[in-house]
């Protein structure tokens, strides 16, 4: 009997799991996929004999998306710089300005090219040789080089700025002379005179530039003595000597890296080595040269835009001091002297009593104000008129 009951239960289970096909519902693809994802139902065999190992669920394979690299923002286009100022075509008979000298002459020639870029009647010829001078003629002989240029008739005007490499021993006549010694000075002056004599014989006008102050005091003192020899040679050789020392010095005559440019604005005038000029300093030199060659060069109309804060006022017509410094050979028509903003002004009492030793500050008694004659600046309208003073004297007699 027990076997019959057990067999009946098994039959019922089999009928429930494996029914006829007509009893199965019609399934579509979505139903099959949903059933495939559901876990298998537990049967009587699972309850009696344990769970069978389940197969891993089938997962629908989906095609992975292709990841595209994020689009980068387009790089900004470079800012277009303004085109350089077009230079004027030089005339065939343009005046040829040659710049002779050391590395200072190289920078000066570039500044002069910028200055006269729009002038078709003047062309700048750079003849500077770095590390050259009048001492080491074994390295570069300036007198021989000048003789070749004169023979080729390659220039009409000459600008000379040289000397920063000449503070060294000079060999002449088989002997070596220490810098600025008596033998050195004699041989050095002979070379300067020969250089200028060639220019004078060829009837070439010359502008000789002096040396500015240098940052190192000992070196600056030596260059200043060499520049003094240049001045004497220029005067005796008929050259125009352009002194620039005061124009690149501070109020105490010392080296300063900054100073007013051609527009009166404070700018860096010298390079970091304390010897050479910056672009603004070279442009300032070019401006000075343009003023100095007016007696020689009359070819074109060249103007410099110089900022004048007094333009349009009554003070603009008044006579004003030179550009910078004292004792200049030429007065420059510019806005006036430029004073540093950090300079402490001199006290009026110090200016009035300069050079005199006074223990106590000067006093001004009020009776002098009353007795001041009419017309004196301290009368203030209450002084004694000359007529009343004469009448008082006559009545006292």
Protein backbone atom coordinates (compact mmCIF):
# COMPACT_ATOMS: atom_id res chain seq x y z
CA UNK A 1 0.00 0.00 0.00
CA UNK A 2 2.81 2.39 0.84
CA UNK A 3 4.44 1.65 -2.49
CA UNK A 4 1.17 2.45 -4.28
CA UNK A 5 0.85 5.81 -2.58
CA UNK A 6 4.47 6.66 -3.31
CA UNK A 7 4.07 5.75 -6.97
CA UNK A 8 0.91 7.84 -7.22
CA UNK A 9 2.69 10.93 -5.85
CA UNK A 10 5.53 10.45 -8.30
CA UNK A 11 3.11 10.19 -11.19
CA UNK A 12 1.36 13.41 -10.19
CA UNK A 13 4.64 15.24 -10.03
CA UNK A 14 5.71 13.99 -13.45
CA UNK A 15 2.38 15.00 -14.96
CA UNK A 16 2.69 18.47 -13.49
CA UNK A 17 6.24 18.99 -14.86
CA UNK A 18 5.89 17.36 -18.26
CA UNK A 19 2.35 18.11 -19.36
CA UNK A 20 1.19 17.91 -22.97
CA UNK A 21 2.40 20.56 -25.32
CA UNK A 22 -1.16 21.87 -25.92
CA UNK A 23 -1.36 22.76 -22.23
CA UNK A 24 1.74 25.02 -22.44
CA UNK A 25 1.14 28.76 -22.97
CA UNK A 26 2.40 30.45 -26.14
CA UNK A 27 5.58 32.28 -25.26
CA UNK A 28 7.27 35.04 -27.18
CA UNK A 29 10.87 36.11 -27.08
CA UNK A 30 10.38 38.51 -24.21
CA UNK A 31 8.79 35.79 -22.05
CA UNK A 32 11.64 33.38 -22.77
CA UNK A 33 14.19 35.93 -21.84
CA UNK A 34 12.35 36.72 -18.61
CA UNK A 35 12.12 33.03 -17.68
CA UNK A 36 15.75 32.50 -18.49
CA UNK A 37 16.63 35.16 -16.02
CA UNK A 38 14.39 33.68 -13.24
CA UNK A 39 15.76 30.86 -10.99
CA UNK A 40 14.56 27.22 -11.61
CA UNK A 41 11.53 26.08 -9.56
CA UNK A 42 12.25 23.49 -6.81
CA UNK A 43 10.66 20.06 -7.42
CA UNK A 44 9.87 17.03 -5.23
CA UNK A 45 13.14 15.43 -6.29
CA UNK A 46 14.96 18.48 -4.96
CA UNK A 47 13.15 18.14 -1.66
CA UNK A 48 13.81 14.38 -1.38
CA UNK A 49 17.26 14.01 -2.91
CA UNK A 50 18.80 17.49 -2.60
CA UNK A 51 19.41 20.34 -5.05
CA UNK A 52 21.05 19.66 -8.39
CA UNK A 53 23.88 21.91 -9.50
CA UNK A 54 22.42 24.85 -11.35
CA UNK A 55 23.83 26.01 -14.60
CA UNK A 56 25.08 29.52 -14.74
CA UNK A 57 22.38 31.86 -15.95
CA UNK A 58 22.69 32.86 -19.55
CA UNK A 59 23.23 36.54 -19.89
CA UNK A 60 22.35 38.23 -23.11
CA UNK A 61 25.49 39.49 -24.72
CA UNK A 62 25.24 43.18 -25.47
CA UNK A 63 27.64 44.86 -27.82
CA UNK A 64 29.75 47.32 -25.87
CA UNK A 65 29.56 50.90 -26.90
CA UNK A 66 32.56 52.41 -28.55
CA UNK A 67 33.90 55.13 -26.33
CA UNK A 68 34.94 58.14 -28.28
CA UNK A 69 37.69 60.41 -27.01
CA UNK A 70 36.32 63.65 -25.62
CA UNK A 71 36.60 66.39 -28.13
CA UNK A 72 39.16 68.98 -27.11
CA UNK A 73 38.41 72.63 -27.37
CA UNK A 74 40.20 74.21 -30.30
CA UNK A 75 43.46 75.92 -29.29
CA UNK A 76 43.15 79.69 -29.30
CA UNK A 77 44.63 81.26 -32.34
CA UNK A 78 47.82 83.25 -31.62
CA UNK A 79 47.33 86.95 -31.28
CA UNK A 80 48.39 88.61 -34.46
CA UNK A 81 51.07 91.20 -33.78
CA UNK A 82 50.91 94.44 -35.68
CA UNK A 83 53.08 94.36 -38.76
CA UNK A 84 56.41 96.17 -38.44
CA UNK A 85 56.53 99.71 -39.62
CA UNK A 86 57.53 99.66 -43.26
CA UNK A 87 60.88 101.26 -43.90
CA UNK A 88 61.17 103.82 -46.63
CA UNK A 89 63.05 102.92 -49.75
CA UNK A 90 66.40 104.65 -49.61
CA UNK A 91 67.33 106.97 -52.44
CA UNK A 92 70.29 106.12 -54.61
CA UNK A 93 72.07 109.31 -53.56
CA UNK A 94 71.15 108.97 -49.87
CA UNK A 95 73.64 110.22 -47.30
CA UNK A 96 75.65 107.31 -45.89
CA UNK A 97 76.17 107.43 -42.14
CA UNK A 98 78.80 104.95 -40.94
CA UNK A 99 79.04 103.99 -37.24
CA UNK A 100 82.57 102.93 -36.20
CA UNK A 101 83.51 101.44 -32.86
CA UNK A 102 83.16 98.46 -30.56
CA UNK A 103 80.02 96.66 -29.35
CA UNK A 104 78.51 100.00 -28.30
CA UNK A 105 78.63 100.99 -31.98
CA UNK A 106 76.75 97.83 -32.95
CA UNK A 107 73.80 98.72 -30.70
CA UNK A 108 73.96 102.37 -31.75
CA UNK A 109 73.83 101.49 -35.45
CA UNK A 110 70.61 99.50 -34.87
CA UNK A 111 69.09 102.45 -33.00
CA UNK A 112 70.02 104.83 -35.80
CA UNK A 113 68.44 102.48 -38.31
CA UNK A 114 65.20 102.65 -36.31
CA UNK A 115 65.46 106.41 -36.01
CA UNK A 116 65.98 107.04 -39.73
CA UNK A 117 63.79 104.17 -40.98
CA UNK A 118 61.31 106.58 -42.60
CA UNK A 119 63.93 108.93 -44.01
CA UNK A 120 64.75 107.95 -47.59
CA UNK A 121 67.69 110.34 -47.70
CA UNK A 122 69.89 108.72 -45.04
CA UNK A 123 71.16 105.17 -44.80
CA UNK A 124 73.01 103.79 -41.75
CA UNK A 125 76.05 101.57 -42.28
CA UNK A 126 77.12 99.56 -39.24
CA UNK A 127 80.90 99.23 -38.94
CA UNK A 128 81.11 98.08 -35.31
CA UNK A 129 83.48 95.28 -34.32
CA UNK A 130 82.94 93.60 -30.96
CA UNK A 131 85.88 93.50 -28.49
CA UNK A 132 87.84 95.99 -30.59
CA UNK A 133 89.60 99.22 -29.62
CA UNK A 134 92.72 101.31 -30.21
CA UNK A 135 94.88 99.29 -27.80
CA UNK A 136 94.82 95.80 -29.36
CA UNK A 137 95.68 96.64 -32.97
CA UNK A 138 96.95 93.06 -33.29
CA UNK A 139 93.34 91.91 -32.86
CA UNK A 140 91.76 94.62 -35.05
CA UNK A 141 93.58 97.61 -36.51
CA UNK A 142 91.11 100.47 -36.74
CA UNK A 143 93.46 102.78 -38.61
CA UNK A 144 94.03 100.18 -41.31
CA UNK A 145 90.31 99.40 -41.53
CA UNK A 146 89.43 103.09 -41.81
CA UNK A 147 91.99 103.56 -44.57
CA UNK A 148 90.26 100.82 -46.59
CA UNK A 149 86.81 102.35 -46.07
CA UNK A 150 88.02 105.78 -47.14
CA UNK A 151 89.69 104.35 -50.21
CA UNK A 152 86.41 102.61 -51.13
CA UNK A 153 84.45 105.83 -50.44
CA UNK A 154 81.84 103.81 -48.55
CA UNK A 155 80.45 106.56 -46.29
CA UNK A 156 79.76 110.30 -46.09
CA UNK A 157 79.41 110.89 -42.33
CA UNK A 158 81.15 109.11 -39.48
CA UNK A 159 79.98 108.44 -35.93
CA UNK A 160 82.56 106.96 -33.56
CA UNK A 161 81.88 105.42 -30.15
CA UNK A 162 84.72 103.28 -28.81
CA UNK A 163 86.81 102.74 -25.71
CA UNK A 164 85.22 100.18 -23.38
CA UNK A 165 87.96 97.62 -24.24
CA UNK A 166 90.93 99.99 -24.03
CA UNK A 167 91.64 99.75 -20.29
CA UNK A 168 94.44 97.21 -20.79
CA UNK A 169 98.14 97.08 -21.51
CA UNK A 170 99.30 98.52 -24.81
CA UNK A 171 102.28 97.26 -26.80
CA UNK A 172 104.18 99.83 -28.85
CA UNK A 173 107.76 99.82 -30.09
CA UNK A 174 108.40 96.37 -28.65
CA UNK A 175 107.41 97.51 -25.14
CA UNK A 176 104.30 96.91 -23.04
CA UNK A 177 102.81 99.89 -21.21
CA UNK A 178 100.41 99.72 -18.30
CA UNK A 179 96.99 101.32 -18.78
CA UNK A 180 96.99 105.13 -18.49
CA UNK A 181 100.72 105.28 -17.85
CA UNK A 182 102.84 107.93 -19.58
CA UNK A 183 104.02 105.61 -22.34
CA UNK A 184 100.51 104.20 -22.75
CA UNK A 185 98.97 107.66 -23.07
CA UNK A 186 101.51 108.79 -25.63
CA UNK A 187 101.04 105.76 -27.87
CA UNK A 188 97.26 105.86 -27.45
CA UNK A 189 97.01 109.52 -28.45
CA UNK A 190 99.13 108.86 -31.53
CA UNK A 191 96.65 106.23 -32.71
CA UNK A 192 93.69 108.52 -32.05
CA UNK A 193 95.31 111.38 -33.94
CA UNK A 194 96.10 109.17 -36.90
CA UNK A 195 92.49 107.97 -37.04
CA UNK A 196 91.11 111.51 -37.04
CA UNK A 197 93.72 112.80 -39.46
CA UNK A 198 92.55 110.29 -42.05
CA UNK A 199 88.94 111.47 -41.70
CA UNK A 200 89.95 115.11 -41.85
CA UNK A 201 92.09 114.58 -44.95
CA UNK A 202 89.18 112.80 -46.65
CA UNK A 203 86.84 115.67 -45.64
CA UNK A 204 84.51 113.33 -43.77
CA UNK A 205 82.54 115.01 -40.95
CA UNK A 206 82.94 113.17 -37.65
CA UNK A 207 80.81 112.98 -34.50
CA UNK A 208 82.79 111.43 -31.65
CA UNK A 209 80.71 110.10 -28.76
CA UNK A 210 82.02 110.33 -25.23
CA UNK A 211 81.74 107.53 -22.69
CA UNK A 212 78.96 107.28 -20.06
CA UNK A 213 79.56 106.40 -16.40
CA UNK A 214 80.00 102.71 -15.67
CA UNK A 215 78.61 100.66 -12.79
CA UNK A 216 82.00 99.66 -11.31
CA UNK A 217 83.62 102.74 -9.87
CA UNK A 218 87.26 101.81 -10.62
CA UNK A 219 86.48 100.83 -14.18
CA UNK A 220 84.34 103.96 -14.61
CA UNK A 221 87.21 106.18 -13.47
CA UNK A 222 89.54 104.60 -16.04
CA UNK A 223 87.00 104.92 -18.85
CA UNK A 224 86.45 108.56 -17.87
CA UNK A 225 90.18 109.26 -18.31
CA UNK A 226 90.15 107.50 -21.68
CA UNK A 227 87.15 109.57 -22.70
CA UNK A 228 89.08 112.73 -21.76
CA UNK A 229 91.79 111.70 -24.23
CA UNK A 230 89.08 111.26 -26.86
CA UNK A 231 87.84 114.78 -26.18
CA UNK A 232 91.28 116.32 -26.65
CA UNK A 233 91.85 114.35 -29.85
CA UNK A 234 88.43 115.35 -31.22
CA UNK A 235 89.01 119.04 -30.55
CA UNK A 236 92.43 118.97 -32.17
CA UNK A 237 91.22 116.84 -35.08
CA UNK A 238 88.24 119.02 -35.96
CA UNK A 239 85.59 116.48 -34.92
CA UNK A 240 82.29 117.22 -33.19
CA UNK A 241 82.59 115.81 -29.66
CA UNK A 242 79.29 114.80 -28.06
CA UNK A 243 79.55 114.54 -24.29
CA UNK A 244 76.94 112.14 -22.91
CA UNK A 245 78.32 111.60 -19.39
CA UNK A 246 75.89 113.92 -17.58
CA UNK A 247 72.94 112.69 -19.62
CA UNK A 248 73.33 109.14 -18.29
CA UNK A 249 74.34 110.01 -14.71
CA UNK A 250 72.30 110.75 -11.61
CA UNK A 251 72.17 114.08 -9.82
CA UNK A 252 75.45 113.28 -8.07
CA UNK A 253 77.30 112.39 -11.29
CA UNK A 254 77.23 108.67 -10.50
CA UNK A 255 76.16 105.68 -12.54
CA UNK A 256 72.44 105.03 -12.77
CA UNK A 257 70.73 102.29 -14.75
CA UNK A 258 67.51 104.27 -15.19
CA UNK A 259 66.81 107.68 -16.60
CA UNK A 260 64.46 109.66 -18.84
CA UNK A 261 64.01 108.42 -22.37
CA UNK A 262 63.40 110.61 -25.41
CA UNK A 263 59.80 111.14 -24.26
CA UNK A 264 60.77 112.08 -20.71
CA UNK A 265 59.55 108.79 -19.22
CA UNK A 266 61.70 106.92 -16.72
CA UNK A 267 63.11 103.82 -18.44
CA UNK A 268 65.97 101.33 -18.22
CA UNK A 269 68.92 102.94 -19.98
CA UNK A 270 71.65 100.36 -19.41
CA UNK A 271 72.01 96.60 -19.62
CA UNK A 272 72.72 94.32 -16.68
CA UNK A 273 76.49 94.42 -17.23
CA UNK A 274 76.53 98.12 -16.33
CA UNK A 275 78.43 98.95 -19.53
CA UNK A 276 76.23 98.64 -22.60
CA UNK A 277 73.09 100.59 -23.41
CA UNK A 278 69.62 99.11 -23.52
CA UNK A 279 67.34 99.67 -26.50
CA UNK A 280 65.90 102.77 -24.85
CA UNK A 281 69.40 104.04 -24.05
CA UNK A 282 70.57 103.47 -27.62
CA UNK A 283 67.48 105.28 -28.93
CA UNK A 284 68.39 108.18 -26.68
CA UNK A 285 71.88 108.25 -28.16
CA UNK A 286 70.39 108.22 -31.64
CA UNK A 287 68.29 111.23 -30.74
CA UNK A 288 71.36 113.15 -29.54
CA UNK A 289 73.22 112.28 -32.75
CA UNK A 290 70.29 113.51 -34.83
CA UNK A 291 70.65 116.89 -33.14
CA UNK A 292 74.42 116.97 -33.63
CA UNK A 293 74.46 116.19 -37.37
CA UNK A 294 72.06 118.97 -38.32
CA UNK A 295 74.97 121.13 -39.40
CA UNK A 296 76.14 118.35 -41.74
CA UNK A 297 73.01 116.59 -42.87
CA UNK A 298 70.10 118.47 -44.44
CA UNK A 299 68.72 115.74 -46.66
CA UNK A 300 65.36 114.87 -45.16
CA UNK A 301 62.71 115.97 -42.75
CA UNK A 302 63.00 113.77 -39.68
CA UNK A 303 60.97 114.45 -36.56
CA UNK A 304 60.75 112.81 -33.14
CA UNK A 305 57.52 112.75 -31.19
CA UNK A 306 58.58 114.19 -27.83
CA UNK A 307 55.93 114.40 -25.15
CA UNK A 308 55.62 117.96 -23.83
CA UNK A 309 53.24 118.31 -20.84
CA UNK A 310 53.21 122.10 -21.34
CA UNK A 311 52.06 121.94 -24.95
CA UNK A 312 49.07 124.19 -25.58
CA UNK A 313 49.75 126.43 -22.57
CA UNK A 314 51.40 129.82 -22.21
CA UNK A 315 54.37 128.19 -20.44
CA UNK A 316 55.23 126.23 -23.59
CA UNK A 317 56.68 129.37 -25.20
CA UNK A 318 58.97 130.13 -22.27
CA UNK A 319 62.69 129.38 -22.31
CA UNK A 320 63.29 126.12 -20.48
CA UNK A 321 66.43 124.33 -19.27
CA UNK A 322 68.22 121.66 -21.33
CA UNK A 323 67.24 118.04 -21.30
CA UNK A 324 69.48 116.76 -18.52
CA UNK A 325 72.66 117.82 -16.75
CA UNK A 326 74.81 120.92 -17.11
CA UNK A 327 77.69 121.92 -19.35
CA UNK A 328 76.24 120.34 -22.48
CA UNK A 329 77.63 121.20 -25.88
CA UNK A 330 74.17 121.42 -27.41
CA UNK A 331 70.84 122.37 -25.86
CA UNK A 332 68.10 119.93 -26.78
CA UNK A 333 64.61 121.22 -27.45
CA UNK A 334 62.57 118.87 -25.32
CA UNK A 335 60.14 119.05 -22.43
CA UNK A 336 62.78 119.87 -19.80
CA UNK A 337 64.71 118.16 -17.06
CA UNK A 338 63.22 115.04 -15.52
CA UNK A 339 63.62 114.76 -11.78
CA UNK A 340 63.20 111.44 -9.93
CA UNK A 341 60.06 111.25 -7.82
CA UNK A 342 61.92 109.94 -4.77
CA UNK A 343 64.25 112.92 -4.53
CA UNK A 344 63.86 114.97 -1.33
CA UNK A 345 63.62 118.67 -2.19
CA UNK A 346 66.23 121.02 -0.80
CA UNK A 347 65.04 123.24 2.03
CA UNK A 348 64.85 126.91 1.19
CA UNK A 349 66.86 127.81 4.27
CA UNK A 350 69.65 125.48 3.19
CA UNK A 351 69.76 127.12 -0.24
CA UNK A 352 69.90 130.65 1.20
CA UNK A 353 72.58 129.88 3.75
CA UNK A 354 74.66 127.49 1.60
CA UNK A 355 78.37 127.95 2.23
CA UNK A 356 77.96 130.03 5.36
CA UNK A 357 78.25 128.77 8.90
CA UNK A 358 75.40 130.18 10.99
CA UNK A 359 74.89 128.86 14.48
CA UNK A 360 71.31 130.08 14.84
CA UNK A 361 68.63 130.22 12.17
CA UNK A 362 68.27 133.67 10.61
CA UNK A 363 65.44 135.84 11.89
CA UNK A 364 63.43 138.48 10.06
CA UNK A 365 62.35 141.43 12.23
CA UNK A 366 59.00 142.95 11.36
CA UNK A 367 60.35 146.51 11.30
CA UNK A 368 62.27 145.62 8.12
CA UNK A 369 58.94 144.79 6.52
CA UNK A 370 57.61 148.27 7.36
CA UNK A 371 60.79 149.98 6.23
CA UNK A 372 61.02 148.07 2.93
CA UNK A 373 60.88 150.51 -0.01
CA UNK A 374 58.09 150.27 -2.51
CA UNK A 375 58.99 147.95 -5.35
CA UNK A 376 60.92 145.45 -3.27
CA UNK A 377 59.47 141.96 -3.16
CA UNK A 378 58.98 142.05 0.62
CA UNK A 379 57.19 145.41 0.73
CA UNK A 380 53.72 143.87 0.35
CA UNK A 381 52.21 147.30 -0.26
CA UNK A 382 53.08 148.76 3.16
CA UNK A 383 56.62 149.90 2.44
CA UNK A 384 57.95 153.45 2.43
CA UNK A 385 57.76 155.19 -0.93
CA UNK A 386 60.96 156.85 -2.21
CA UNK A 387 59.25 160.27 -2.39
CA UNK A 388 58.08 160.23 1.22
CA UNK A 389 61.50 159.10 2.33
CA UNK A 390 63.15 162.03 0.45
CA UNK A 391 60.67 164.50 1.94
CA UNK A 392 61.43 163.21 5.42
CA UNK A 393 65.13 163.73 4.89
CA UNK A 394 64.64 167.30 3.60
CA UNK A 395 62.43 168.25 6.51
CA UNK A 396 64.99 166.88 8.97
CA UNK A 397 67.56 169.25 7.51
